[in-house]
């Protein structure tokens, strides 16, 4: 039988799809990695069941293609025999073979269409569960698993390309008092409101996650220590100046932050250890503060000296303001 490009491309596509499924689930279900702290957001068994169903659908499609190929080979043989024959019987064989080919193609098309619908539904379920597995259900931010994966990726990129990044850890000050005084709904509201504020204050390219009860963290790619310190102060001020309301009560919420920049030889543990040390320095200093770790000790982020670029920016702003005041004074005359 002649080589069939459509059949070949279909089988090739199914093989690629099976490979993609394996890669996705290999990343979504890292069996050899240490489990993150706290309960897993979803049952990994549910994801494996979905993978098995998807694999079964792909196998069924492959079997249908093989059956289709076998039928066409048999019909091709019948047509070849009919060419050697003569008379009405030969003509009937040709007509019957053509009719069966049409019938077989229609049947395969129906099966493929039905399987495509099932694959689409299974893919949506898989994407939903994978997203759920990497998302904190209360705040909608990324969870600890997603944060650790991002840290691993950034550290590997730093080792290959020296791509700088910083890590920020932050903690809600005196969070227990909200639960004790107003109940857990108030604490949940604080966490949800804070999560929204963090998502809006950090850059879109930054990955922000809830990594513990009232603990949050962020990875700031392409960011040096100077800019990370400014970002930490910007976030701290945004939270302190915001009003958190619960049942007509105004809750005064503040956070403490710790900043660390990636260094040579870093892994998740060493980088997190420095950011943790800076965070606890902020707490010990009275809370509602931000500290950074310079590799030796933790220091307040507000203690940084202005750089020449900062001085030039400030001078430009002052010149613009003076010019605007002159224009306003002239207009008032």
Protein backbone atom coordinates (compact mmCIF):
# COMPACT_ATOMS: atom_id res chain seq x y z
CA UNK A 1 0.00 0.00 0.00
CA UNK A 2 1.21 3.54 -0.73
CA UNK A 3 2.60 5.69 2.05
CA UNK A 4 -0.14 7.84 3.64
CA UNK A 5 1.02 11.26 4.83
CA UNK A 6 -2.23 12.09 6.70
CA UNK A 7 -2.02 8.88 8.71
CA UNK A 8 1.67 9.43 9.39
CA UNK A 9 1.10 13.00 10.57
CA UNK A 10 -1.79 11.91 12.79
CA UNK A 11 0.31 9.22 14.47
CA UNK A 12 3.21 11.66 14.84
CA UNK A 13 0.87 14.23 16.41
CA UNK A 14 -0.43 11.69 18.91
CA UNK A 15 3.11 10.78 19.88
CA UNK A 16 4.04 14.41 20.44
CA UNK A 17 0.88 14.93 22.51
CA UNK A 18 1.71 11.92 24.68
CA UNK A 19 5.24 13.28 25.21
CA UNK A 20 3.83 16.70 26.18
CA UNK A 21 1.47 15.10 28.69
CA UNK A 22 4.39 13.26 30.25
CA UNK A 23 6.43 16.45 30.57
CA UNK A 24 3.53 18.41 32.09
CA UNK A 25 2.81 15.78 34.71
CA UNK A 26 6.48 15.26 35.40
CA UNK A 27 6.66 18.93 36.39
CA UNK A 28 3.31 19.05 38.14
CA UNK A 29 3.93 15.91 40.21
CA UNK A 30 7.60 16.02 41.29
CA UNK A 31 7.76 12.70 43.13
CA UNK A 32 11.42 12.99 44.11
CA UNK A 33 11.31 16.56 45.41
CA UNK A 34 10.80 17.30 49.09
CA UNK A 35 7.18 18.08 49.91
CA UNK A 36 6.39 21.71 50.80
CA UNK A 37 5.33 22.53 54.32
CA UNK A 38 1.63 22.21 55.04
CA UNK A 39 -1.00 20.11 53.30
CA UNK A 40 -0.98 19.85 49.51
CA UNK A 41 -3.73 21.99 47.98
CA UNK A 42 -5.00 19.09 45.87
CA UNK A 43 -4.66 15.33 45.88
CA UNK A 44 -1.92 14.29 43.49
CA UNK A 45 -3.83 11.05 42.90
CA UNK A 46 -6.57 13.02 41.13
CA UNK A 47 -4.03 14.39 38.69
CA UNK A 48 -2.63 10.93 38.02
CA UNK A 49 -6.12 9.59 37.33
CA UNK A 50 -6.66 12.36 34.81
CA UNK A 51 -3.32 11.52 33.22
CA UNK A 52 -4.32 7.86 32.96
CA UNK A 53 -7.63 8.82 31.34
CA UNK A 54 -5.85 11.03 28.85
CA UNK A 55 -3.36 8.29 28.11
CA UNK A 56 -6.26 5.89 27.55
CA UNK A 57 -7.87 8.26 25.08
CA UNK A 58 -4.61 8.58 23.16
CA UNK A 59 -4.21 4.81 23.07
CA UNK A 60 -7.78 4.42 21.78
CA UNK A 61 -7.11 6.93 19.02
CA UNK A 62 -3.92 5.10 18.06
CA UNK A 63 -5.84 1.80 17.93
CA UNK A 64 -8.50 3.40 15.72
CA UNK A 65 -5.82 4.64 13.35
CA UNK A 66 -4.22 1.18 13.18
CA UNK A 67 -7.61 -0.44 12.46
CA UNK A 68 -8.29 2.17 9.81
CA UNK A 69 -4.94 1.48 8.20
CA UNK A 70 -5.58 -2.29 8.21
CA UNK A 71 -9.00 -1.87 6.60
CA UNK A 72 -7.58 0.34 3.88
CA UNK A 73 -4.81 -2.17 3.18
CA UNK A 74 -7.38 -4.95 2.78
CA UNK A 75 -9.55 -2.84 0.50
CA UNK A 76 -6.51 -1.87 -1.52
CA UNK A 77 -5.77 -5.55 -1.99
CA UNK A 78 -9.35 -6.20 -3.09
CA UNK A 79 -9.11 -3.36 -5.62
CA UNK A 80 -5.83 -4.77 -6.95
CA UNK A 81 -7.50 -8.18 -7.43
CA UNK A 82 -10.45 -6.49 -9.11
CA UNK A 83 -8.14 -4.85 -11.67
CA UNK A 84 -6.94 -8.26 -12.74
CA UNK A 85 -10.51 -9.53 -13.12
CA UNK A 86 -13.15 -8.81 -15.69
CA UNK A 87 -16.89 -8.48 -15.91
CA UNK A 88 -19.67 -7.48 -13.61
CA UNK A 89 -18.14 -9.13 -10.55
CA UNK A 90 -15.03 -6.99 -10.86
CA UNK A 91 -17.11 -3.82 -11.19
CA UNK A 92 -19.15 -4.76 -8.13
CA UNK A 93 -15.97 -5.30 -6.14
CA UNK A 94 -14.69 -1.83 -7.03
CA UNK A 95 -17.98 -0.17 -6.14
CA UNK A 96 -18.20 -2.08 -2.87
CA UNK A 97 -14.62 -1.19 -1.97
CA UNK A 98 -15.21 2.52 -2.66
CA UNK A 99 -18.36 2.46 -0.54
CA UNK A 100 -16.53 0.76 2.33
CA UNK A 101 -13.68 3.28 2.12
CA UNK A 102 -16.17 6.12 2.45
CA UNK A 103 -17.86 4.35 5.35
CA UNK A 104 -14.55 3.67 7.14
CA UNK A 105 -13.39 7.27 6.71
CA UNK A 106 -16.68 8.61 8.05
CA UNK A 107 -16.48 6.27 11.05
CA UNK A 108 -12.90 7.30 11.81
CA UNK A 109 -13.81 10.97 11.45
CA UNK A 110 -16.65 10.53 13.94
CA UNK A 111 -14.39 8.70 16.41
CA UNK A 112 -11.67 11.33 16.07
CA UNK A 113 -14.16 14.17 16.57
CA UNK A 114 -15.58 12.49 19.67
CA UNK A 115 -12.10 11.85 21.04
CA UNK A 116 -11.09 15.45 20.35
CA UNK A 117 -13.99 16.67 22.50
CA UNK A 118 -12.99 14.32 25.31
CA UNK A 119 -9.36 15.39 25.07
CA UNK A 120 -10.39 19.03 25.27
CA UNK A 121 -12.42 18.41 28.43
CA UNK A 122 -9.65 16.36 30.03
CA UNK A 123 -7.09 19.05 29.17
CA UNK A 124 -9.23 21.72 30.82
CA UNK A 125 -9.53 19.59 33.97
CA UNK A 126 -5.78 18.99 34.03
CA UNK A 127 -4.98 22.69 33.62
CA UNK A 128 -7.48 23.53 36.35
CA UNK A 129 -5.96 21.05 38.81
CA UNK A 130 -2.39 22.08 38.00
CA UNK A 131 -3.31 25.74 38.60
CA UNK A 132 -5.02 24.73 41.84
CA UNK A 133 -1.92 22.82 42.91
CA UNK A 134 0.21 25.99 42.59
CA UNK A 135 -2.26 28.52 44.02
CA UNK A 136 -3.09 29.48 47.59
CA UNK A 137 -6.87 28.99 47.92
CA UNK A 138 -7.42 31.84 50.39
CA UNK A 139 -5.52 34.68 48.74
CA UNK A 140 -5.28 33.58 45.10
CA UNK A 141 -1.51 34.17 45.14
CA UNK A 142 1.04 31.50 44.29
CA UNK A 143 1.74 28.97 47.05
CA UNK A 144 4.97 27.65 48.56
CA UNK A 145 5.38 24.97 45.89
CA UNK A 146 5.24 27.52 43.08
CA UNK A 147 7.55 29.89 44.97
CA UNK A 148 10.19 27.20 45.52
CA UNK A 149 10.01 26.21 41.84
CA UNK A 150 10.56 29.84 40.84
CA UNK A 151 13.52 30.16 43.21
CA UNK A 152 15.09 27.02 41.75
CA UNK A 153 14.64 28.36 38.23
CA UNK A 154 16.10 31.78 39.08
CA UNK A 155 19.08 30.30 40.91
CA UNK A 156 19.82 28.00 37.95
CA UNK A 157 19.60 31.01 35.63
CA UNK A 158 21.95 32.95 37.92
CA UNK A 159 24.47 30.12 37.78
CA UNK A 160 24.31 29.96 33.97
CA UNK A 161 23.96 33.60 32.98
CA UNK A 162 24.63 35.63 36.16
CA UNK A 163 21.06 37.00 35.94
CA UNK A 164 20.59 38.90 39.18
CA UNK A 165 17.45 38.73 41.29
CA UNK A 166 16.38 39.46 44.83
CA UNK A 167 14.12 37.77 47.33
CA UNK A 168 11.78 39.59 49.71
CA UNK A 169 10.18 37.94 52.73
CA UNK A 170 7.47 39.69 54.72
CA UNK A 171 5.30 38.94 57.71
CA UNK A 172 2.14 40.56 59.10
CA UNK A 173 2.95 42.24 62.41
CA UNK A 174 1.00 40.95 65.42
CA UNK A 175 -1.30 38.94 63.18
CA UNK A 176 -2.59 36.86 66.08
CA UNK A 177 -4.32 39.88 67.60
CA UNK A 178 -6.73 40.11 64.66
CA UNK A 179 -7.86 36.52 65.15
CA UNK A 180 -8.02 36.85 68.94
CA UNK A 181 -9.98 40.12 68.94
CA UNK A 182 -12.25 39.80 65.91
CA UNK A 183 -12.14 36.09 65.04
CA UNK A 184 -10.66 34.17 62.13
CA UNK A 185 -12.86 35.88 59.49
CA UNK A 186 -11.02 39.11 60.30
CA UNK A 187 -7.67 37.38 59.92
CA UNK A 188 -8.73 35.93 56.58
CA UNK A 189 -9.87 39.36 55.41
CA UNK A 190 -6.50 40.86 56.35
CA UNK A 191 -4.66 38.18 54.38
CA UNK A 192 -6.87 38.55 51.30
CA UNK A 193 -6.67 42.36 51.36
CA UNK A 194 -2.91 42.25 51.90
CA UNK A 195 -2.49 39.78 49.03
CA UNK A 196 -4.37 42.12 46.68
CA UNK A 197 -2.28 45.06 47.85
CA UNK A 198 0.97 43.16 47.32
CA UNK A 199 -0.07 42.03 43.84
CA UNK A 200 -0.83 45.65 42.90
CA UNK A 201 2.32 47.13 44.48
CA UNK A 202 4.95 44.70 43.26
CA UNK A 203 5.69 44.68 39.54
CA UNK A 204 3.77 42.39 37.22
CA UNK A 205 6.97 40.47 36.47
CA UNK A 206 7.56 39.73 40.19
CA UNK A 207 6.26 36.46 41.59
CA UNK A 208 4.40 37.00 44.87
CA UNK A 209 3.39 34.03 47.02
CA UNK A 210 1.88 33.15 50.36
CA UNK A 211 4.40 30.76 51.88
CA UNK A 212 2.94 30.30 55.36
CA UNK A 213 0.12 31.38 57.65
CA UNK A 214 0.75 35.14 57.63
CA UNK A 215 4.06 34.89 55.74
CA UNK A 216 4.50 36.10 52.18
CA UNK A 217 7.48 36.23 49.84
CA UNK A 218 8.38 37.63 46.44
CA UNK A 219 11.00 36.94 43.80
CA UNK A 220 12.15 40.09 41.99
CA UNK A 221 13.88 39.09 38.72
CA UNK A 222 16.42 41.40 37.12
CA UNK A 223 16.59 43.47 40.31
CA UNK A 224 19.72 44.54 42.20
CA UNK A 225 19.86 45.13 45.95
CA UNK A 226 19.44 48.90 45.70
CA UNK A 227 16.21 48.62 43.72
CA UNK A 228 14.95 45.76 45.89
CA UNK A 229 15.41 47.89 49.02
CA UNK A 230 13.39 50.67 47.46
CA UNK A 231 10.69 48.17 46.47
CA UNK A 232 10.54 46.85 50.03
CA UNK A 233 10.07 50.35 51.41
CA UNK A 234 7.41 51.09 48.81
CA UNK A 235 5.47 47.96 49.81
CA UNK A 236 5.86 48.66 53.52
CA UNK A 237 4.54 52.21 53.11
CA UNK A 238 1.65 51.05 50.93
CA UNK A 239 0.48 48.60 53.60
CA UNK A 240 0.94 51.01 56.52
CA UNK A 241 -1.01 53.77 54.78
CA UNK A 242 -3.85 51.51 53.67
CA UNK A 243 -7.09 51.10 55.60
CA UNK A 244 -8.23 47.54 56.33
CA UNK A 245 -11.92 47.43 57.28
CA UNK A 246 -13.77 44.60 59.00
CA UNK A 247 -17.40 45.01 60.06
CA UNK A 248 -17.10 48.81 60.27
CA UNK A 249 -13.86 48.45 62.24
CA UNK A 250 -10.62 49.95 60.94
CA UNK A 251 -7.71 47.55 61.40
CA UNK A 252 -4.21 48.99 61.52
CA UNK A 253 -2.05 46.54 59.60
CA UNK A 254 1.73 46.75 59.20
CA UNK A 255 4.32 44.36 57.87
CA UNK A 256 7.99 43.61 58.47
CA UNK A 257 10.24 42.76 55.54
CA UNK A 258 13.60 41.17 54.82
CA UNK A 259 15.53 41.46 51.55
CA UNK A 260 18.39 39.34 50.18
CA UNK A 261 20.14 39.32 46.81
CA UNK A 262 21.43 36.16 45.14
CA UNK A 263 25.16 35.54 45.59
CA UNK A 264 27.72 33.09 44.25
CA UNK A 265 27.17 29.58 45.58
CA UNK A 266 23.60 30.28 46.71
CA UNK A 267 20.87 27.68 46.89
CA UNK A 268 17.32 28.00 48.22
CA UNK A 269 18.43 27.38 51.80
CA UNK A 270 21.27 29.93 51.92
CA UNK A 271 19.31 32.66 50.14
CA UNK A 272 16.23 32.10 52.31
CA UNK A 273 18.36 32.09 55.44
CA UNK A 274 19.68 35.60 54.71
CA UNK A 275 16.23 36.95 53.86
CA UNK A 276 14.89 35.39 57.08
CA UNK A 277 17.66 37.00 59.11
CA UNK A 278 16.81 40.40 57.61
CA UNK A 279 13.11 39.84 58.34
CA UNK A 280 13.74 39.01 61.99
CA UNK A 281 15.99 42.05 62.29
CA UNK A 282 12.99 44.14 61.24
CA UNK A 283 10.84 42.49 63.90
CA UNK A 284 13.42 42.91 66.62
CA UNK A 285 13.81 46.57 65.66
CA UNK A 286 10.15 47.24 66.46
CA UNK A 287 8.26 45.95 63.37
CA UNK A 288 6.82 47.96 60.49
CA UNK A 289 10.37 48.10 59.14
CA UNK A 290 12.41 46.62 56.32
CA UNK A 291 15.97 45.32 56.51
CA UNK A 292 18.33 43.90 53.91
CA UNK A 293 21.18 41.42 54.30
CA UNK A 294 24.48 42.45 52.75
CA UNK A 295 26.04 38.99 53.10
CA UNK A 296 27.41 39.71 56.57
CA UNK A 297 24.62 41.28 58.59
CA UNK A 298 21.17 42.81 58.35
CA UNK A 299 20.78 46.57 57.97
CA UNK A 300 17.76 48.91 57.67
CA UNK A 301 16.77 49.56 54.07
CA UNK A 302 16.22 53.24 54.89
CA UNK A 303 19.90 53.68 55.77
CA UNK A 304 21.08 53.54 52.18
CA UNK A 305 22.86 56.56 50.78
CA UNK A 306 21.65 58.18 47.63
CA UNK A 307 23.53 57.20 44.51
CA UNK A 308 24.72 59.72 41.88
CA UNK A 309 21.79 58.63 39.71
CA UNK A 310 19.39 59.41 42.55
CA UNK A 311 21.00 62.83 43.07
CA UNK A 312 20.68 63.63 39.37
CA UNK A 313 17.04 62.54 39.33
CA UNK A 314 16.29 64.69 42.37
CA UNK A 315 18.07 67.69 40.84
CA UNK A 316 16.06 67.33 37.63
CA UNK A 317 12.81 67.16 39.59
CA UNK A 318 13.73 70.31 41.55
CA UNK A 319 14.63 72.19 38.38
CA UNK A 320 11.31 71.21 36.79
CA UNK A 321 9.43 72.32 39.90
CA UNK A 322 11.21 75.69 39.98
CA UNK A 323 10.47 76.23 36.31
CA UNK A 324 6.81 75.43 36.84
CA UNK A 325 6.61 77.87 39.77
CA UNK A 326 8.11 80.61 37.60
CA UNK A 327 5.51 79.90 34.88
CA UNK A 328 2.67 80.00 37.40
CA UNK A 329 3.91 83.29 38.84
CA UNK A 330 4.11 84.85 35.38
CA UNK A 331 0.59 83.67 34.52
CA UNK A 332 -0.72 85.20 37.73
CA UNK A 333 0.58 88.68 36.83
